[in-house]
Amino acid sequence: MGLEVFKKATEVTARHVPYAGGYPAVVATVSGECNVVMQLSMEQADMVRAKKLRPLANTSLQTLNISGYGEVPSIAKWYPKFPLTGSHFGLMVPKDTPKEVVTAISKAFDVAANSAAIKKFADEKAIFTENLKEDEAMAMAEKSASIVTWLLFEAGAAKISPAQFNIPKP
């Protein structure tokens, strides 16, 4: 997905070679099977530290620090209007989950998100952490979904228009 967003935003031509996951794509690049890889920083960090990959940019608004390597600038430095979708992982519950359960889970998640273990994990994997909640998290997810679904449709990879699902065009 990252490469498809990049191609559309920069009008760069690239042949997309799909792999069975991020790590196989990274290994293929390290071995010389392909020339470039756009995967999650957590899938590339160890190869960057080992100087097997050279990072050029990251697709967030902030500079990424890879401990043991250094800083990787934001792509916004060169493409200020780059559509930042990010790769977010979250904890979700069914819509009809009772409010008191949501509150209890949210409090537990706050403790975990601020823990030394999560901070250490984020540093080791070269990732940003965010603790978005409810409306803020949903707005971020909806924005990302809009960008990605329209991109796939316009590239011909999706046969049904996102408009049929009331997904607004970004």
N, C-alpha and C. Protein backbone atom coordinates (compact mmCIF):
# COMPACT_ATOMS: atom_id res chain seq x y z
N MET A 1 0.82 -1.19 0.00
CA MET A 1 0.00 0.00 0.00
C MET A 1 0.86 1.25 0.00
N GLY A 2 1.94 1.20 0.75
CA GLY A 2 2.82 2.37 0.84
C GLY A 2 3.36 2.76 -0.52
N LEU A 3 3.78 1.77 -1.30
CA LEU A 3 4.31 2.07 -2.63
C LEU A 3 3.24 2.65 -3.54
N GLU A 4 2.02 2.14 -3.45
CA GLU A 4 0.94 2.66 -4.29
C GLU A 4 0.61 4.10 -3.94
N VAL A 5 0.59 4.42 -2.66
CA VAL A 5 0.36 5.82 -2.24
C VAL A 5 1.52 6.69 -2.74
N PHE A 6 2.75 6.20 -2.59
CA PHE A 6 3.92 6.93 -3.04
C PHE A 6 3.87 7.19 -4.55
N LYS A 7 3.55 6.17 -5.32
CA LYS A 7 3.48 6.32 -6.78
C LYS A 7 2.47 7.40 -7.18
N LYS A 8 1.32 7.35 -6.56
CA LYS A 8 0.28 8.33 -6.90
C LYS A 8 0.69 9.75 -6.47
N ALA A 9 1.25 9.89 -5.30
CA ALA A 9 1.60 11.21 -4.77
C ALA A 9 2.78 11.84 -5.50
N THR A 10 3.71 11.02 -5.97
CA THR A 10 4.93 11.56 -6.57
C THR A 10 4.99 11.40 -8.08
N GLU A 11 4.04 10.66 -8.63
CA GLU A 11 4.00 10.34 -10.06
C GLU A 11 5.24 9.58 -10.52
N VAL A 12 5.84 8.84 -9.60
CA VAL A 12 6.96 7.97 -9.90
C VAL A 12 6.41 6.67 -10.47
N THR A 13 7.11 6.13 -11.45
CA THR A 13 6.73 4.84 -12.01
C THR A 13 7.57 3.77 -11.32
N ALA A 14 6.91 2.77 -10.80
CA ALA A 14 7.60 1.66 -10.15
C ALA A 14 6.80 0.40 -10.38
N ARG A 15 7.48 -0.69 -10.54
CA ARG A 15 6.81 -1.97 -10.68
C ARG A 15 6.61 -2.55 -9.30
N HIS A 16 5.38 -2.78 -8.95
CA HIS A 16 5.05 -3.30 -7.63
C HIS A 16 5.15 -4.82 -7.66
N VAL A 17 6.03 -5.36 -6.84
CA VAL A 17 6.19 -6.81 -6.72
C VAL A 17 5.67 -7.21 -5.34
N PRO A 18 4.50 -7.84 -5.27
CA PRO A 18 3.97 -8.23 -3.96
C PRO A 18 4.69 -9.43 -3.36
N TYR A 19 4.86 -9.39 -2.06
CA TYR A 19 5.46 -10.50 -1.32
C TYR A 19 4.47 -10.96 -0.26
N ALA A 20 4.75 -12.08 0.33
CA ALA A 20 3.86 -12.66 1.34
C ALA A 20 4.14 -12.04 2.71
N GLY A 21 4.25 -10.74 2.76
CA GLY A 21 4.47 -10.04 4.02
C GLY A 21 5.63 -9.08 3.96
N GLY A 22 5.74 -8.27 4.99
CA GLY A 22 6.78 -7.24 5.05
C GLY A 22 8.18 -7.78 5.16
N TYR A 23 8.38 -8.76 6.04
CA TYR A 23 9.74 -9.30 6.20
C TYR A 23 10.26 -9.95 4.92
N PRO A 24 9.44 -10.76 4.22
CA PRO A 24 9.94 -11.31 2.95
C PRO A 24 10.30 -10.22 1.94
N ALA A 25 9.56 -9.12 1.93
CA ALA A 25 9.88 -8.00 1.02
C ALA A 25 11.21 -7.35 1.40
N VAL A 26 11.44 -7.20 2.69
CA VAL A 26 12.71 -6.62 3.16
C VAL A 26 13.87 -7.55 2.80
N VAL A 27 13.71 -8.84 3.05
CA VAL A 27 14.76 -9.80 2.73
C VAL A 27 15.04 -9.81 1.22
N ALA A 28 13.99 -9.71 0.41
CA ALA A 28 14.17 -9.67 -1.05
C ALA A 28 14.98 -8.46 -1.47
N THR A 29 14.79 -7.34 -0.80
CA THR A 29 15.55 -6.13 -1.12
C THR A 29 17.00 -6.28 -0.67
N VAL A 30 17.21 -6.78 0.52
CA VAL A 30 18.57 -6.98 1.03
C VAL A 30 19.34 -7.94 0.14
N SER A 31 18.66 -8.96 -0.38
CA SER A 31 19.35 -9.96 -1.21
C SER A 31 19.55 -9.50 -2.65
N GLY A 32 18.98 -8.34 -3.01
CA GLY A 32 19.15 -7.82 -4.36
C GLY A 32 18.08 -8.26 -5.34
N GLU A 33 17.08 -8.96 -4.84
CA GLU A 33 15.98 -9.42 -5.69
C GLU A 33 15.15 -8.25 -6.21
N CYS A 34 15.05 -7.18 -5.42
CA CYS A 34 14.38 -5.96 -5.85
C CYS A 34 15.21 -4.76 -5.38
N ASN A 35 14.86 -3.59 -5.89
CA ASN A 35 15.69 -2.40 -5.66
C ASN A 35 15.26 -1.51 -4.51
N VAL A 36 14.03 -1.60 -4.13
CA VAL A 36 13.50 -0.69 -3.11
C VAL A 36 12.39 -1.41 -2.35
N VAL A 37 12.22 -1.03 -1.11
CA VAL A 37 11.14 -1.61 -0.31
C VAL A 37 10.49 -0.49 0.50
N MET A 38 9.17 -0.53 0.57
CA MET A 38 8.41 0.40 1.40
C MET A 38 7.58 -0.44 2.35
N GLN A 39 8.13 -0.63 3.52
CA GLN A 39 7.47 -1.44 4.54
C GLN A 39 7.49 -0.68 5.86
N LEU A 40 6.85 -1.27 6.84
CA LEU A 40 6.84 -0.68 8.17
C LEU A 40 8.26 -0.55 8.70
N SER A 41 8.51 0.52 9.43
CA SER A 41 9.85 0.71 10.00
C SER A 41 10.22 -0.46 10.90
N MET A 42 9.25 -1.05 11.58
CA MET A 42 9.56 -2.16 12.47
C MET A 42 10.05 -3.39 11.71
N GLU A 43 9.71 -3.48 10.43
CA GLU A 43 10.16 -4.59 9.61
C GLU A 43 11.54 -4.31 8.98
N GLN A 44 11.96 -3.08 9.00
CA GLN A 44 13.23 -2.71 8.38
C GLN A 44 14.32 -2.33 9.38
N ALA A 45 13.96 -2.00 10.59
CA ALA A 45 14.90 -1.42 11.56
C ALA A 45 16.17 -2.25 11.74
N ASP A 46 16.04 -3.55 11.90
CA ASP A 46 17.23 -4.37 12.14
C ASP A 46 18.17 -4.35 10.93
N MET A 47 17.61 -4.37 9.72
CA MET A 47 18.45 -4.33 8.52
C MET A 47 19.08 -2.96 8.31
N VAL A 48 18.40 -1.91 8.77
CA VAL A 48 18.97 -0.57 8.71
C VAL A 48 20.15 -0.49 9.68
N ARG A 49 19.96 -0.97 10.89
CA ARG A 49 21.05 -0.96 11.88
C ARG A 49 22.25 -1.77 11.39
N ALA A 50 21.98 -2.87 10.68
CA ALA A 50 23.05 -3.73 10.16
C ALA A 50 23.66 -3.17 8.87
N LYS A 51 23.17 -1.99 8.46
CA LYS A 51 23.66 -1.32 7.24
C LYS A 51 23.42 -2.16 5.98
N LYS A 52 22.33 -2.94 6.00
CA LYS A 52 21.92 -3.73 4.83
C LYS A 52 20.89 -2.95 4.01
N LEU A 53 20.25 -1.98 4.63
CA LEU A 53 19.30 -1.09 3.97
C LEU A 53 19.66 0.34 4.30
N ARG A 54 19.41 1.24 3.37
CA ARG A 54 19.63 2.67 3.63
C ARG A 54 18.29 3.38 3.55
N PRO A 55 17.79 3.88 4.66
CA PRO A 55 16.50 4.57 4.64
C PRO A 55 16.62 5.96 4.00
N LEU A 56 15.66 6.29 3.17
CA LEU A 56 15.66 7.60 2.51
C LEU A 56 14.68 8.57 3.17
N ALA A 57 13.52 8.05 3.56
CA ALA A 57 12.48 8.88 4.18
C ALA A 57 11.49 7.97 4.88
N ASN A 58 10.72 8.57 5.77
CA ASN A 58 9.61 7.84 6.37
C ASN A 58 8.33 8.58 6.04
N THR A 59 7.22 7.88 6.05
CA THR A 59 5.96 8.49 5.60
C THR A 59 5.08 8.95 6.77
N SER A 60 5.70 9.67 7.68
CA SER A 60 4.95 10.34 8.74
C SER A 60 5.32 11.82 8.68
N LEU A 61 4.73 12.59 9.54
CA LEU A 61 5.06 14.02 9.58
C LEU A 61 6.30 14.33 10.40
N GLN A 62 6.78 13.35 11.14
CA GLN A 62 7.92 13.61 12.02
C GLN A 62 9.14 12.80 11.62
N THR A 63 10.28 13.26 12.05
CA THR A 63 11.52 12.54 11.82
C THR A 63 11.49 11.26 12.64
N LEU A 64 11.92 10.16 12.03
CA LEU A 64 11.97 8.87 12.71
C LEU A 64 13.39 8.65 13.20
N ASN A 65 13.54 8.32 14.46
CA ASN A 65 14.86 8.00 15.00
C ASN A 65 14.97 6.48 15.13
N ILE A 66 15.97 5.92 14.47
CA ILE A 66 16.24 4.49 14.60
C ILE A 66 17.47 4.37 15.49
N SER A 67 17.25 3.91 16.72
CA SER A 67 18.38 3.80 17.65
C SER A 67 19.43 2.88 17.05
N GLY A 68 20.67 3.29 17.19
CA GLY A 68 21.76 2.53 16.60
C GLY A 68 22.04 2.90 15.15
N TYR A 69 21.22 3.79 14.60
CA TYR A 69 21.43 4.26 13.23
C TYR A 69 21.42 5.78 13.17
N GLY A 70 20.30 6.37 13.51
CA GLY A 70 20.15 7.83 13.45
C GLY A 70 18.77 8.22 12.96
N GLU A 71 18.68 9.41 12.40
CA GLU A 71 17.39 9.98 12.00
C GLU A 71 17.07 9.70 10.54
N VAL A 72 15.77 9.50 10.30
CA VAL A 72 15.24 9.33 8.95
C VAL A 72 14.18 10.42 8.77
N PRO A 73 14.40 11.35 7.83
CA PRO A 73 13.48 12.48 7.69
C PRO A 73 12.10 12.07 7.19
N SER A 74 11.16 12.95 7.43
CA SER A 74 9.79 12.77 6.92
C SER A 74 9.77 13.03 5.42
N ILE A 75 8.96 12.28 4.71
CA ILE A 75 8.80 12.50 3.28
C ILE A 75 8.19 13.87 2.99
N ALA A 76 7.52 14.42 4.00
CA ALA A 76 6.91 15.75 3.85
C ALA A 76 7.96 16.83 3.61
N LYS A 77 9.22 16.53 3.91
CA LYS A 77 10.30 17.47 3.63
C LYS A 77 10.39 17.75 2.13
N TRP A 78 10.11 16.75 1.33
CA TRP A 78 10.18 16.89 -0.13
C TRP A 78 8.81 16.98 -0.78
N TYR A 79 7.82 16.33 -0.17
CA TYR A 79 6.45 16.32 -0.68
C TYR A 79 5.51 16.76 0.44
N PRO A 80 5.38 18.08 0.65
CA PRO A 80 4.59 18.57 1.79
C PRO A 80 3.13 18.10 1.78
N LYS A 81 2.60 17.78 0.63
CA LYS A 81 1.20 17.35 0.56
C LYS A 81 1.06 15.83 0.43
N PHE A 82 2.11 15.12 0.80
CA PHE A 82 2.06 13.66 0.73
C PHE A 82 0.92 13.16 1.60
N PRO A 83 0.06 12.28 1.05
CA PRO A 83 -1.09 11.79 1.82
C PRO A 83 -0.66 10.81 2.91
N LEU A 84 -0.57 11.28 4.11
CA LEU A 84 -0.07 10.48 5.21
C LEU A 84 -1.17 9.59 5.77
N THR A 85 -1.08 8.31 5.47
CA THR A 85 -2.07 7.36 5.96
C THR A 85 -1.57 6.65 7.20
N GLY A 86 -0.28 6.47 7.30
CA GLY A 86 0.29 5.77 8.45
C GLY A 86 -0.14 4.32 8.50
N SER A 87 0.48 3.62 9.36
CA SER A 87 0.10 2.23 9.64
C SER A 87 -0.21 2.18 11.12
N HIS A 88 -1.46 2.10 11.42
CA HIS A 88 -1.89 2.14 12.80
C HIS A 88 -2.39 0.77 13.23
N PHE A 89 -2.03 0.40 14.42
CA PHE A 89 -2.51 -0.83 15.01
C PHE A 89 -3.29 -0.43 16.25
N GLY A 90 -4.44 -1.03 16.42
CA GLY A 90 -5.25 -0.59 17.54
C GLY A 90 -6.01 -1.70 18.20
N LEU A 91 -6.61 -1.35 19.28
CA LEU A 91 -7.46 -2.23 20.05
C LEU A 91 -8.89 -1.74 19.83
N MET A 92 -9.73 -2.62 19.31
CA MET A 92 -11.11 -2.22 19.02
C MET A 92 -12.08 -3.21 19.65
N VAL A 93 -13.23 -2.69 20.00
CA VAL A 93 -14.29 -3.52 20.57
C VAL A 93 -15.56 -3.29 19.77
N PRO A 94 -16.52 -4.22 19.84
CA PRO A 94 -17.78 -4.02 19.12
C PRO A 94 -18.46 -2.71 19.53
N LYS A 95 -19.18 -2.13 18.59
CA LYS A 95 -19.82 -0.83 18.79
C LYS A 95 -20.76 -0.81 20.00
N ASP A 96 -21.39 -1.94 20.28
CA ASP A 96 -22.38 -1.97 21.37
C ASP A 96 -21.78 -2.39 22.72
N THR A 97 -20.47 -2.34 22.85
CA THR A 97 -19.82 -2.66 24.12
C THR A 97 -20.24 -1.63 25.16
N PRO A 98 -20.65 -2.07 26.35
CA PRO A 98 -21.09 -1.12 27.39
C PRO A 98 -20.00 -0.09 27.71
N LYS A 99 -20.43 1.13 27.97
CA LYS A 99 -19.52 2.25 28.21
C LYS A 99 -18.54 1.97 29.35
N GLU A 100 -19.02 1.33 30.44
CA GLU A 100 -18.13 1.05 31.57
C GLU A 100 -17.02 0.07 31.18
N VAL A 101 -17.30 -0.85 30.26
CA VAL A 101 -16.29 -1.77 29.78
C VAL A 101 -15.26 -1.01 28.93
N VAL A 102 -15.76 -0.13 28.07
CA VAL A 102 -14.88 0.68 27.23
C VAL A 102 -13.97 1.54 28.11
N THR A 103 -14.53 2.14 29.14
CA THR A 103 -13.75 2.97 30.07
C THR A 103 -12.67 2.16 30.77
N ALA A 104 -13.02 0.96 31.24
CA ALA A 104 -12.04 0.11 31.92
C ALA A 104 -10.91 -0.31 30.96
N ILE A 105 -11.27 -0.69 29.75
CA ILE A 105 -10.26 -1.08 28.76
C ILE A 105 -9.37 0.12 28.43
N SER A 106 -9.98 1.28 28.27
CA SER A 106 -9.25 2.49 27.94
C SER A 106 -8.23 2.83 29.03
N LYS A 107 -8.63 2.72 30.29
CA LYS A 107 -7.71 3.00 31.41
C LYS A 107 -6.56 2.00 31.41
N ALA A 108 -6.84 0.73 31.18
CA ALA A 108 -5.79 -0.29 31.14
C ALA A 108 -4.85 -0.02 29.96
N PHE A 109 -5.42 0.40 28.84
CA PHE A 109 -4.60 0.69 27.66
C PHE A 109 -3.70 1.90 27.93
N ASP A 110 -4.20 2.90 28.65
CA ASP A 110 -3.38 4.06 29.01
C ASP A 110 -2.15 3.62 29.81
N VAL A 111 -2.36 2.72 30.77
CA VAL A 111 -1.26 2.22 31.58
C VAL A 111 -0.24 1.50 30.69
N ALA A 112 -0.74 0.62 29.82
CA ALA A 112 0.16 -0.13 28.93
C ALA A 112 0.90 0.80 27.97
N ALA A 113 0.18 1.75 27.38
CA ALA A 113 0.77 2.65 26.38
C ALA A 113 1.87 3.51 26.97
N ASN A 114 1.80 3.79 28.26
CA ASN A 114 2.81 4.62 28.92
C ASN A 114 3.87 3.81 29.66
N SER A 115 3.84 2.50 29.49
CA SER A 115 4.76 1.64 30.22
C SER A 115 6.16 1.66 29.63
N ALA A 116 7.12 1.32 30.47
CA ALA A 116 8.52 1.23 30.03
C ALA A 116 8.66 0.14 28.97
N ALA A 117 7.90 -0.93 29.08
CA ALA A 117 7.98 -2.04 28.12
C ALA A 117 7.57 -1.58 26.72
N ILE A 118 6.52 -0.79 26.63
CA ILE A 118 6.07 -0.29 25.31
C ILE A 118 7.07 0.72 24.77
N LYS A 119 7.60 1.57 25.64
CA LYS A 119 8.61 2.55 25.19
C LYS A 119 9.86 1.83 24.67
N LYS A 120 10.28 0.75 25.35
CA LYS A 120 11.43 -0.03 24.91
C LYS A 120 11.13 -0.72 23.58
N PHE A 121 9.96 -1.30 23.46
CA PHE A 121 9.55 -1.96 22.22
C PHE A 121 9.54 -0.96 21.06
N ALA A 122 8.98 0.22 21.29
CA ALA A 122 8.91 1.25 20.24
C ALA A 122 10.32 1.66 19.81
N ASP A 123 11.22 1.79 20.76
CA ASP A 123 12.60 2.15 20.42
C ASP A 123 13.27 1.04 19.61
N GLU A 124 13.13 -0.20 20.05
CA GLU A 124 13.75 -1.32 19.35
C GLU A 124 13.21 -1.50 17.94
N LYS A 125 11.93 -1.26 17.77
CA LYS A 125 11.28 -1.48 16.48
C LYS A 125 11.20 -0.22 15.62
N ALA A 126 11.69 0.89 16.13
CA ALA A 126 11.70 2.17 15.40
C ALA A 126 10.29 2.57 14.97
N ILE A 127 9.41 2.65 15.95
CA ILE A 127 8.02 3.03 15.67
C ILE A 127 7.60 4.20 16.55
N PHE A 128 6.60 4.92 16.06
CA PHE A 128 5.98 5.98 16.85
C PHE A 128 4.81 5.35 17.59
N THR A 129 4.55 5.84 18.77
CA THR A 129 3.36 5.38 19.49
C THR A 129 2.40 6.55 19.65
N GLU A 130 1.13 6.24 19.53
CA GLU A 130 0.06 7.22 19.75
C GLU A 130 -1.01 6.51 20.56
N ASN A 131 -1.67 7.24 21.39
CA ASN A 131 -2.74 6.68 22.19
C ASN A 131 -4.02 7.44 21.84
N LEU A 132 -4.53 7.15 20.64
CA LEU A 132 -5.75 7.82 20.19
C LEU A 132 -6.97 7.09 20.74
N LYS A 133 -8.00 7.85 21.03
CA LYS A 133 -9.21 7.26 21.61
C LYS A 133 -10.44 7.61 20.77
N GLU A 134 -11.39 6.75 20.81
CA GLU A 134 -12.73 6.88 20.24
C GLU A 134 -12.83 7.77 19.01
N ASP A 135 -13.39 8.96 19.13
CA ASP A 135 -13.64 9.80 17.95
C ASP A 135 -12.36 10.16 17.21
N GLU A 136 -11.30 10.46 17.95
CA GLU A 136 -10.02 10.82 17.33
C GLU A 136 -9.44 9.62 16.56
N ALA A 137 -9.51 8.44 17.16
CA ALA A 137 -9.02 7.23 16.50
C ALA A 137 -9.87 6.91 15.27
N MET A 138 -11.17 7.05 15.40
CA MET A 138 -12.06 6.76 14.27
C MET A 138 -11.84 7.73 13.13
N ALA A 139 -11.62 8.99 13.43
CA ALA A 139 -11.37 9.99 12.38
C ALA A 139 -10.08 9.66 11.63
N MET A 140 -9.05 9.26 12.35
CA MET A 140 -7.79 8.88 11.72
C MET A 140 -7.99 7.65 10.84
N ALA A 141 -8.71 6.66 11.34
CA ALA A 141 -8.95 5.43 10.57
C ALA A 141 -9.78 5.71 9.32
N GLU A 142 -10.78 6.56 9.45
CA GLU A 142 -11.64 6.90 8.30
C GLU A 142 -10.85 7.65 7.23
N LYS A 143 -9.98 8.56 7.65
CA LYS A 143 -9.16 9.31 6.69
C LYS A 143 -8.24 8.37 5.93
N SER A 144 -7.56 7.49 6.65
CA SER A 144 -6.66 6.53 6.02
C SER A 144 -7.42 5.61 5.08
N ALA A 145 -8.56 5.12 5.52
CA ALA A 145 -9.37 4.22 4.70
C ALA A 145 -9.83 4.91 3.42
N SER A 146 -10.21 6.17 3.52
CA SER A 146 -10.64 6.92 2.35
C SER A 146 -9.52 7.02 1.32
N ILE A 147 -8.34 7.39 1.78
CA ILE A 147 -7.19 7.53 0.87
C ILE A 147 -6.88 6.20 0.20
N VAL A 148 -6.81 5.13 0.99
CA VAL A 148 -6.40 3.83 0.47
C VAL A 148 -7.47 3.23 -0.44
N THR A 149 -8.73 3.28 -0.04
CA THR A 149 -9.77 2.66 -0.88
C THR A 149 -9.91 3.38 -2.22
N TRP A 150 -9.84 4.69 -2.23
CA TRP A 150 -9.92 5.42 -3.49
C TRP A 150 -8.69 5.17 -4.35
N LEU A 151 -7.55 5.08 -3.72
CA LEU A 151 -6.32 4.78 -4.45
C LEU A 151 -6.44 3.42 -5.14
N LEU A 152 -6.89 2.42 -4.42
CA LEU A 152 -7.04 1.08 -5.00
C LEU A 152 -8.06 1.07 -6.13
N PHE A 153 -9.15 1.79 -5.96
CA PHE A 153 -10.17 1.85 -7.00
C PHE A 153 -9.63 2.54 -8.25
N GLU A 154 -8.99 3.68 -8.06
CA GLU A 154 -8.47 4.44 -9.21
C GLU A 154 -7.33 3.71 -9.92
N ALA A 155 -6.62 2.85 -9.19
CA ALA A 155 -5.54 2.07 -9.80
C ALA A 155 -6.06 0.81 -10.48
N GLY A 156 -7.37 0.55 -10.33
CA GLY A 156 -7.96 -0.63 -10.95
C GLY A 156 -7.85 -1.89 -10.11
N ALA A 157 -7.34 -1.78 -8.90
CA ALA A 157 -7.19 -2.96 -8.05
C ALA A 157 -8.48 -3.32 -7.32
N ALA A 158 -9.40 -2.38 -7.22
CA ALA A 158 -10.71 -2.63 -6.62
C ALA A 158 -11.77 -2.38 -7.68
N LYS A 159 -12.71 -3.27 -7.79
CA LYS A 159 -13.71 -3.19 -8.86
C LYS A 159 -14.92 -2.32 -8.49
N ILE A 160 -15.18 -2.17 -7.21
CA ILE A 160 -16.36 -1.43 -6.76
C ILE A 160 -15.91 -0.08 -6.22
N SER A 161 -16.58 0.97 -6.65
CA SER A 161 -16.23 2.32 -6.20
C SER A 161 -16.49 2.49 -4.71
N PRO A 162 -15.57 3.13 -4.00
CA PRO A 162 -15.80 3.43 -2.59
C PRO A 162 -17.05 4.30 -2.38
N ALA A 163 -17.43 5.04 -3.41
CA ALA A 163 -18.64 5.88 -3.31
C ALA A 163 -19.87 5.03 -3.00
N GLN A 164 -19.88 3.78 -3.47
CA GLN A 164 -21.02 2.90 -3.21
C GLN A 164 -21.13 2.55 -1.73
N PHE A 165 -20.08 2.77 -0.99
CA PHE A 165 -20.09 2.51 0.44
C PHE A 165 -20.07 3.81 1.24
N ASN A 166 -20.37 4.91 0.54
CA ASN A 166 -20.39 6.24 1.17
C ASN A 166 -19.04 6.65 1.74
N ILE A 167 -17.96 6.20 1.10
CA ILE A 167 -16.63 6.60 1.52
C ILE A 167 -16.26 7.85 0.71
N PRO A 168 -16.09 8.97 1.38
CA PRO A 168 -15.80 10.21 0.65
C PRO A 168 -14.43 10.17 -0.01
N LYS A 169 -14.33 10.86 -1.13
CA LYS A 169 -13.06 10.95 -1.83
C LYS A 169 -12.20 12.01 -1.14
N PRO A 170 -10.93 11.68 -0.86
CA PRO A 170 -10.08 12.65 -0.14
C PRO A 170 -9.75 13.86 -1.00
